[in-house]
PDB file of N, CA and C in Angstrom:
ATOM      1  N   MET A   1      13.793  14.985  -9.685  1.00  0.00           N
ATOM      2  CA  MET A   1      13.052  13.512  -9.589  1.00  0.00           C
ATOM      3  C   MET A   1      12.199  13.335 -10.874  1.00  0.00           C
ATOM      4  N   THR A   2      12.045  12.360 -11.400  1.00  0.00           N
ATOM      5  CA  THR A   2      10.966  12.120 -12.282  1.00  0.00           C
ATOM      6  C   THR A   2       9.866  11.199 -11.672  1.00  0.00           C
ATOM      7  N   ALA A   3       8.586  11.287 -12.451  1.00  0.00           N
ATOM      8  CA  ALA A   3       7.714  10.594 -12.167  1.00  0.00           C
ATOM      9  C   ALA A   3       7.886   9.149 -12.432  1.00  0.00           C
ATOM     10  N   ILE A   4       7.666   8.195 -11.742  1.00  0.00           N
ATOM     11  CA  ILE A   4       7.601   6.688 -12.095  1.00  0.00           C
ATOM     12  C   ILE A   4       6.622   6.162 -11.868  1.00  0.00           C
ATOM     13  N   GLY A   5       6.170   5.226 -12.638  1.00  0.00           N
ATOM     14  CA  GLY A   5       4.778   4.608 -12.548  1.00  0.00           C
ATOM     15  C   GLY A   5       3.677   5.366 -13.039  1.00  0.00           C
ATOM     16  N   SER A   6       2.381   4.894 -12.748  1.00  0.00           N
ATOM     17  CA  SER A   6       1.054   5.614 -12.977  1.00  0.00           C
ATOM     18  C   SER A   6       0.420   5.816 -11.527  1.00  0.00           C
ATOM     19  N   LEU A   7      -0.303   6.568 -11.653  1.00  0.00           N
ATOM     20  CA  LEU A   7      -1.442   6.679 -10.670  1.00  0.00           C
ATOM     21  C   LEU A   7      -2.384   5.607 -10.836  1.00  0.00           C
ATOM     22  N   GLY A   8      -2.989   5.116  -9.498  1.00  0.00           N
ATOM     23  CA  GLY A   8      -4.119   4.088  -9.579  1.00  0.00           C
ATOM     24  C   GLY A   8      -5.435   4.849  -8.637  1.00  0.00           C
ATOM     25  N   THR A   9      -6.178   3.870  -8.697  1.00  0.00           N
ATOM     26  CA  THR A   9      -7.282   4.043  -7.584  1.00  0.00           C
ATOM     27  C   THR A   9      -6.941   3.445  -6.222  1.00  0.00           C
ATOM     28  N   ASN A  10      -7.506   4.013  -5.070  1.00  0.00           N
ATOM     29  CA  ASN A  10      -7.471   3.278  -3.704  1.00  0.00           C
ATOM     30  C   ASN A  10      -8.750   2.440  -3.753  1.00  0.00           C
ATOM     31  N   SER A  11      -8.244   1.473  -2.738  1.00  0.00           N
ATOM     32  CA  SER A  11      -9.310   0.584  -2.719  1.00  0.00           C
ATOM     33  C   SER A  11     -10.481   0.994  -1.734  1.00  0.00           C
ATOM     34  N   ILE A  12     -10.657   2.263  -1.402  1.00  0.00           N
ATOM     35  CA  ILE A  12     -11.766   2.499  -0.588  1.00  0.00           C
ATOM     36  C   ILE A  12     -12.902   3.133  -1.503  1.00  0.00           C
ATOM     37  N   ASN A  13     -12.613   4.263  -2.213  1.00  0.00           N
ATOM     38  CA  ASN A  13     -13.648   4.781  -2.966  1.00  0.00           C
ATOM     39  C   ASN A  13     -13.403   4.905  -4.286  1.00  0.00           C
ATOM     40  N   ASP A  14     -12.234   4.177  -4.800  1.00  0.00           N
ATOM     41  CA  ASP A  14     -12.011   4.305  -6.430  1.00  0.00           C
ATOM     42  C   ASP A  14     -11.530   5.452  -6.932  1.00  0.00           C
ATOM     43  N   ASN A  15     -11.319   6.313  -5.945  1.00  0.00           N
ATOM     44  CA  ASN A  15     -10.769   7.589  -6.356  1.00  0.00           C
ATOM     45  C   ASN A  15      -8.771   7.631  -6.401  1.00  0.00           C
ATOM     46  N   THR A  16      -8.486   8.456  -7.259  1.00  0.00           N
ATOM     47  CA  THR A  16      -6.990   8.674  -7.124  1.00  0.00           C
ATOM     48  C   THR A  16      -6.379   9.517  -6.178  1.00  0.00           C
ATOM     49  N   GLY A  17      -5.593   8.773  -5.183  1.00  0.00           N
ATOM     50  CA  GLY A  17      -5.316   9.603  -4.173  1.00  0.00           C
ATOM     51  C   GLY A  17      -5.405   8.984  -2.626  1.00  0.00           C
ATOM     52  N   TYR A  18      -5.077   9.400  -1.745  1.00  0.00           N
ATOM     53  CA  TYR A  18      -4.781   8.699  -0.409  1.00  0.00           C
ATOM     54  C   TYR A  18      -6.187   8.728   0.264  1.00  0.00           C
ATOM     55  N   ALA A  19      -6.755   7.731   0.851  1.00  0.00           N
ATOM     56  CA  ALA A  19      -7.798   7.255   1.490  1.00  0.00           C
ATOM     57  C   ALA A  19      -7.638   6.807   2.831  1.00  0.00           C
ATOM     58  N   PRO A  20      -8.150   7.790   4.113  1.00  0.00           N
ATOM     59  CA  PRO A  20      -7.683   7.018   4.913  1.00  0.00           C
ATOM     60  C   PRO A  20      -8.333   5.692   5.530  1.00  0.00           C
ATOM     61  N   PRO A  21      -7.575   5.054   6.668  1.00  0.00           N
ATOM     62  CA  PRO A  21      -8.424   3.939   7.018  1.00  0.00           C
ATOM     63  C   PRO A  21      -9.729   4.153   7.415  1.00  0.00           C
ATOM     64  N   CYS A  22     -10.574   3.175   7.464  1.00  0.00           N
ATOM     65  CA  CYS A  22     -11.862   3.230   7.504  1.00  0.00           C
ATOM     66  C   CYS A  22     -12.603   2.454   8.787  1.00  0.00           C
ATOM     67  N   SER A  23     -12.205   2.879  10.019  1.00  0.00           N
ATOM     68  CA  SER A  23     -12.639   1.986  11.077  1.00  0.00           C
ATOM     69  C   SER A  23     -14.156   1.796  11.241  1.00  0.00           C
ATOM     70  N   GLN A  24     -14.532   0.504  11.493  1.00  0.00           N
ATOM     71  CA  GLN A  24     -15.671  -0.144  11.607  1.00  0.00           C
ATOM     72  C   GLN A  24     -15.706  -0.436  12.879  1.00  0.00           C
ATOM     73  N   GLY A  25     -16.790  -0.041  13.541  1.00  0.00           N
ATOM     74  CA  GLY A  25     -17.252  -0.539  15.001  1.00  0.00           C
ATOM     75  C   GLY A  25     -16.499  -0.095  16.084  1.00  0.00           C
ATOM     76  N   PRO A  26     -16.756  -0.377  17.330  1.00  0.00           N
ATOM     77  CA  PRO A  26     -16.191   0.360  18.454  1.00  0.00           C
ATOM     78  C   PRO A  26     -14.800  -0.389  18.564  1.00  0.00           C
ATOM     79  N   GLY A  27     -14.252   0.299  19.614  1.00  0.00           N
ATOM     80  CA  GLY A  27     -12.722  -0.195  20.020  1.00  0.00           C
ATOM     81  C   GLY A  27     -11.562   0.130  18.994  1.00  0.00           C
ATOM     82  N   ILE A  28     -10.297   0.016  19.592  1.00  0.00           N
ATOM     83  CA  ILE A  28      -9.235   0.521  19.303  1.00  0.00           C
ATOM     84  C   ILE A  28      -8.834  -0.624  17.789  1.00  0.00           C
ATOM     85  N   LYS A  29      -8.486   0.125  16.673  1.00  0.00           N
ATOM     86  CA  LYS A  29      -7.986  -0.589  15.654  1.00  0.00           C
ATOM     87  C   LYS A  29      -6.618  -0.130  15.464  1.00  0.00           C
ATOM     88  N   ALA A  30      -5.807  -1.169  14.933  1.00  0.00           N
ATOM     89  CA  ALA A  30      -4.393  -0.905  14.447  1.00  0.00           C
ATOM     90  C   ALA A  30      -4.192  -1.082  13.134  1.00  0.00           C
ATOM     91  N   TYR A  31      -3.407  -0.031  12.516  1.00  0.00           N
ATOM     92  CA  TYR A  31      -3.164  -0.099  11.000  1.00  0.00           C
ATOM     93  C   TYR A  31      -1.930  -0.069  10.881  1.00  0.00           C
ATOM     94  N   THR A  32      -1.188  -0.829   9.949  1.00  0.00           N
ATOM     95  CA  THR A  32       0.187  -0.725   9.643  1.00  0.00           C
ATOM     96  C   THR A  32       0.623  -0.502   8.559  1.00  0.00           C
ATOM     97  N   TYR A  33       1.377   0.638   8.414  1.00  0.00           N
ATOM     98  CA  TYR A  33       2.037   1.107   6.990  1.00  0.00           C
ATOM     99  C   TYR A  33       3.224   0.485   6.591  1.00  0.00           C
ATOM    100  N   THR A  34       3.558   0.073   5.582  1.00  0.00           N
ATOM    101  CA  THR A  34       4.837  -0.374   5.401  1.00  0.00           C
ATOM    102  C   THR A  34       5.360   0.239   4.121  1.00  0.00           C
ATOM    103  N   ILE A  35       6.847   1.016   4.177  1.00  0.00           N
ATOM    104  CA  ILE A  35       7.249   1.569   3.030  1.00  0.00           C
ATOM    105  C   ILE A  35       8.385   0.741   2.540  1.00  0.00           C
ATOM    106  N   PHE A  36       8.741   0.603   1.368  1.00  0.00           N
ATOM    107  CA  PHE A  36       9.833  -0.166   0.786  1.00  0.00           C
ATOM    108  C   PHE A  36      10.837   0.686   0.001  1.00  0.00           C
ATOM    109  N   ALA A  37      12.236   0.500   0.201  1.00  0.00           N
ATOM    110  CA  ALA A  37      13.247   1.164  -0.659  1.00  0.00           C
ATOM    111  C   ALA A  37      13.635   0.134  -1.564  1.00  0.00           C
ATOM    112  N   LEU A  38      13.529   0.440  -3.046  1.00  0.00           N
ATOM    113  CA  LEU A  38      13.772  -0.370  -3.945  1.00  0.00           C
ATOM    114  C   LEU A  38      15.242  -0.071  -4.851  1.00  0.00           C
ATOM    115  N   SER A  39      15.813  -1.097  -5.345  1.00  0.00           N
ATOM    116  CA  SER A  39      16.989  -0.567  -6.077  1.00  0.00           C
ATOM    117  C   SER A  39      16.713  -0.403  -7.431  1.00  0.00           C
ATOM    118  N   GLN A  40      15.529  -0.731  -7.878  1.00  0.00           N
ATOM    119  CA  GLN A  40      14.961  -0.342  -9.267  1.00  0.00           C
ATOM    120  C   GLN A  40      13.381  -0.358  -9.471  1.00  0.00           C
ATOM    121  N   ASN A  41      12.997  -0.089 -10.515  1.00  0.00           N
ATOM    122  CA  ASN A  41      11.426  -0.355 -10.705  1.00  0.00           C
ATOM    123  C   ASN A  41      10.999  -1.889 -10.658  1.00  0.00           C
ATOM    124  N   PRO A  42       9.951  -2.224 -10.154  1.00  0.00           N
ATOM    125  CA  PRO A  42       9.440  -3.703 -10.182  1.00  0.00           C
ATOM    126  C   PRO A  42       9.180  -3.810 -11.559  1.00  0.00           C
ATOM    127  N   VAL A  43       8.768  -5.046 -11.814  1.00  0.00           N
ATOM    128  CA  VAL A  43       8.500  -5.596 -13.195  1.00  0.00           C
ATOM    129  C   VAL A  43       7.228  -6.388 -12.687  1.00  0.00           C
ATOM    130  N   ILE A  44       6.259  -6.077 -12.903  1.00  0.00           N
ATOM    131  CA  ILE A  44       5.297  -6.711 -12.633  1.00  0.00           C
ATOM    132  C   ILE A  44       4.459  -7.516 -14.006  1.00  0.00           C
ATOM    133  N   GLN A  45       4.072  -8.864 -13.941  1.00  0.00           N
ATOM    134  CA  GLN A  45       3.804  -9.523 -15.160  1.00  0.00           C
ATOM    135  C   GLN A  45       2.313  -9.624 -15.453  1.00  0.00           C
ATOM    136  N   VAL A  46       1.448  -9.035 -14.646  1.00  0.00           N
ATOM    137  CA  VAL A  46       0.082  -8.890 -14.868  1.00  0.00           C
ATOM    138  C   VAL A  46      -0.567  -7.639 -15.006  1.00  0.00           C
ATOM    139  N   THR A  47      -1.702  -7.555 -15.816  1.00  0.00           N
ATOM    140  CA  THR A  47      -2.347  -6.272 -15.894  1.00  0.00           C
ATOM    141  C   THR A  47      -2.594  -6.093 -14.367  1.00  0.00           C
ATOM    142  N   PRO A  48      -2.802  -4.304 -14.503  1.00  0.00           N
ATOM    143  CA  PRO A  48      -2.929  -3.764 -13.415  1.00  0.00           C
ATOM    144  C   PRO A  48      -4.260  -4.013 -12.542  1.00  0.00           C
ATOM    145  N   ASP A  49      -5.417  -4.556 -13.088  1.00  0.00           N
ATOM    146  CA  ASP A  49      -6.338  -5.026 -12.373  1.00  0.00           C
ATOM    147  C   ASP A  49      -6.256  -6.389 -11.708  1.00  0.00           C
ATOM    148  N   LYS A  50      -5.229  -7.247 -12.027  1.00  0.00           N
ATOM    149  CA  LYS A  50      -4.738  -8.393 -11.269  1.00  0.00           C
ATOM    150  C   LYS A  50      -3.840  -8.511 -10.435  1.00  0.00           C
ATOM    151  N   VAL A  51      -3.295  -7.192 -10.293  1.00  0.00           N
ATOM    152  CA  VAL A  51      -2.074  -6.662  -9.054  1.00  0.00           C
ATOM    153  C   VAL A  51      -2.654  -6.934  -7.535  1.00  0.00           C
ATOM    154  N   THR A  52      -2.234  -8.047  -7.012  1.00  0.00           N
ATOM    155  CA  THR A  52      -2.677  -8.332  -5.265  1.00  0.00           C
ATOM    156  C   THR A  52      -1.384  -7.939  -4.582  1.00  0.00           C
ATOM    157  N   ARG A  53      -1.801  -8.143  -3.453  1.00  0.00           N
ATOM    158  CA  ARG A  53      -0.591  -7.979  -2.291  1.00  0.00           C
ATOM    159  C   ARG A  53       0.606  -8.828  -2.707  1.00  0.00           C
ATOM    160  N   GLU A  54       0.115 -10.197  -2.982  1.00  0.00           N
ATOM    161  CA  GLU A  54       1.051 -11.361  -3.060  1.00  0.00           C
ATOM    162  C   GLU A  54       1.913 -11.057  -4.266  1.00  0.00           C
ATOM    163  N   VAL A  55       1.108 -10.659  -5.690  1.00  0.00           N
ATOM    164  CA  VAL A  55       1.805 -10.302  -6.850  1.00  0.00           C
ATOM    165  C   VAL A  55       2.899  -9.143  -6.498  1.00  0.00           C
ATOM    166  N   LEU A  56       2.703  -8.189  -5.790  1.00  0.00           N
ATOM    167  CA  LEU A  56       3.469  -6.921  -5.703  1.00  0.00           C
ATOM    168  C   LEU A  56       4.612  -7.233  -4.748  1.00  0.00           C
ATOM    169  N   LEU A  57       4.637  -8.255  -3.841  1.00  0.00           N
ATOM    170  CA  LEU A  57       5.706  -8.495  -2.890  1.00  0.00           C
ATOM    171  C   LEU A  57       6.387  -9.441  -3.460  1.00  0.00           C
ATOM    172  N   ASN A  58       5.758 -10.229  -4.224  1.00  0.00           N
ATOM    173  CA  ASN A  58       6.844 -11.051  -5.182  1.00  0.00           C
ATOM    174  C   ASN A  58       7.593 -10.536  -6.352  1.00  0.00           C
ATOM    175  N   ALA A  59       6.985  -9.267  -6.851  1.00  0.00           N
ATOM    176  CA  ALA A  59       7.563  -8.474  -7.735  1.00  0.00           C
ATOM    177  C   ALA A  59       8.871  -7.753  -7.162  1.00  0.00           C
ATOM    178  N   ILE A  60       8.752  -7.307  -5.963  1.00  0.00           N
ATOM    179  CA  ILE A  60       9.803  -6.510  -5.363  1.00  0.00           C
ATOM    180  C   ILE A  60      10.859  -7.504  -4.221  1.00  0.00           C
ATOM    181  N   LYS A  61      10.424  -8.644  -3.992  1.00  0.00           N
ATOM    182  CA  LYS A  61      11.145  -9.391  -3.053  1.00  0.00           C
ATOM    183  C   LYS A  61      12.936  -9.502  -3.347  1.00  0.00           C
ATOM    184  N   GLU A  62      13.352  -9.495  -4.592  1.00  0.00           N
ATOM    185  CA  GLU A  62      14.538  -9.433  -4.988  1.00  0.00           C
ATOM    186  C   GLU A  62      15.148  -8.079  -5.081  1.00  0.00           C
ATOM    187  N   ILE A  63      14.459  -6.857  -5.290  1.00  0.00           N
ATOM    188  CA  ILE A  63      14.912  -5.792  -5.564  1.00  0.00           C
ATOM    189  C   ILE A  63      14.714  -4.790  -4.087  1.00  0.00           C
ATOM    190  N   THR A  64      14.440  -5.245  -2.908  1.00  0.00           N
ATOM    191  CA  THR A  64      13.958  -4.435  -1.644  1.00  0.00           C
ATOM    192  C   THR A  64      15.208  -4.115  -0.972  1.00  0.00           C
ATOM    193  N   ILE A  65      15.674  -3.199  -0.889  1.00  0.00           N
ATOM    194  CA  ILE A  65      17.148  -2.600  -0.314  1.00  0.00           C
ATOM    195  C   ILE A  65      16.711  -2.775   1.514  1.00  0.00           C
ATOM    196  N   THR A  66      15.629  -2.177   1.694  1.00  0.00           N
ATOM    197  CA  THR A  66      15.169  -2.221   3.116  1.00  0.00           C
ATOM    198  C   THR A  66      14.019  -1.862   3.114  1.00  0.00           C
ATOM    199  N   SER A  67      12.996  -1.846   4.070  1.00  0.00           N
ATOM    200  CA  SER A  67      11.547  -1.508   4.490  1.00  0.00           C
ATOM    201  C   SER A  67      11.445  -1.199   5.985  1.00  0.00           C
ATOM    202  N   ALA A  68      10.397  -0.314   6.188  1.00  0.00           N
ATOM    203  CA  ALA A  68      10.106  -0.018   7.539  1.00  0.00           C
ATOM    204  C   ALA A  68       8.544   0.065   7.625  1.00  0.00           C
ATOM    205  N   LYS A  69       8.061  -0.490   8.934  1.00  0.00           N
ATOM    206  CA  LYS A  69       6.815  -0.379   9.543  1.00  0.00           C
ATOM    207  C   LYS A  69       6.724   0.664  10.250  1.00  0.00           C
ATOM    208  N   MET A  70       5.402   1.200  10.379  1.00  0.00           N
ATOM    209  CA  MET A  70       4.741   1.965  11.352  1.00  0.00           C
ATOM    210  C   MET A  70       3.363   1.688  11.464  1.00  0.00           C
ATOM    211  N   THR A  71       2.761   1.296  12.746  1.00  0.00           N
ATOM    212  CA  THR A  71       1.825   0.990  13.268  1.00  0.00           C
ATOM    213  C   THR A  71       0.934   2.057  13.908  1.00  0.00           C
ATOM    214  N   VAL A  72      -0.304   2.409  13.325  1.00  0.00           N
ATOM    215  CA  VAL A  72      -0.839   3.665  13.968  1.00  0.00           C
ATOM    216  C   VAL A  72      -2.262   2.879  14.668  1.00  0.00           C
ATOM    217  N   TYR A  73      -2.571   3.619  15.926  1.00  0.00           N
ATOM    218  CA  TYR A  73      -3.879   2.926  16.466  1.00  0.00           C
ATOM    219  C   TYR A  73      -4.941   4.206  16.664  1.00  0.00           C
ATOM    220  N   TYR A  74      -6.231   3.746  16.102  1.00  0.00           N
ATOM    221  CA  TYR A  74      -7.278   4.830  16.241  1.00  0.00           C
ATOM    222  C   TYR A  74      -8.575   3.948  16.773  1.00  0.00           C
ATOM    223  N   SER A  75      -9.293   5.010  17.648  1.00  0.00           N
ATOM    224  CA  SER A  75     -10.799   4.638  17.993  1.00  0.00           C
ATOM    225  C   SER A  75     -11.615   5.650  17.797  1.00  0.00           C
ATOM    226  N   ARG A  76     -12.837   5.651  17.488  1.00  0.00           N
ATOM    227  CA  ARG A  76     -13.820   6.576  17.174  1.00  0.00           C
ATOM    228  C   ARG A  76     -14.782   6.307  18.203  1.00  0.00           C
ATOM    229  N   ASN A  77     -15.643   7.457  18.502  1.00  0.00           N
ATOM    230  CA  ASN A  77     -16.484   7.350  19.484  1.00  0.00           C
ATOM    231  C   ASN A  77     -17.790   7.266  18.572  1.00  0.00           C
ATOM    232  N   PHE A  78     -18.602   6.536  19.120  1.00  0.00           N
ATOM    233  CA  PHE A  78     -20.257   6.064  18.595  1.00  0.00           C
ATOM    234  C   PHE A  78     -21.267   6.672  19.295  1.00  0.00           C
TER     235      PHE A  78
END
């Protein structure tokens, strides 16, 4: 397998790599993860700092073979 794309920072702490969900306040929180199988690399027409969820989903809508979702629930004690 070859490396495709480039690493970017996450939206939690601007580090390269995974950042777990950050539960705020009491109660159960639901987090949904979605993974997409694509038929080719997406072509994104904006600079990396302008990529939003909408831009990404629009770029992959015609090349998505399938997708799967997983919802996890988390609650922490205060």
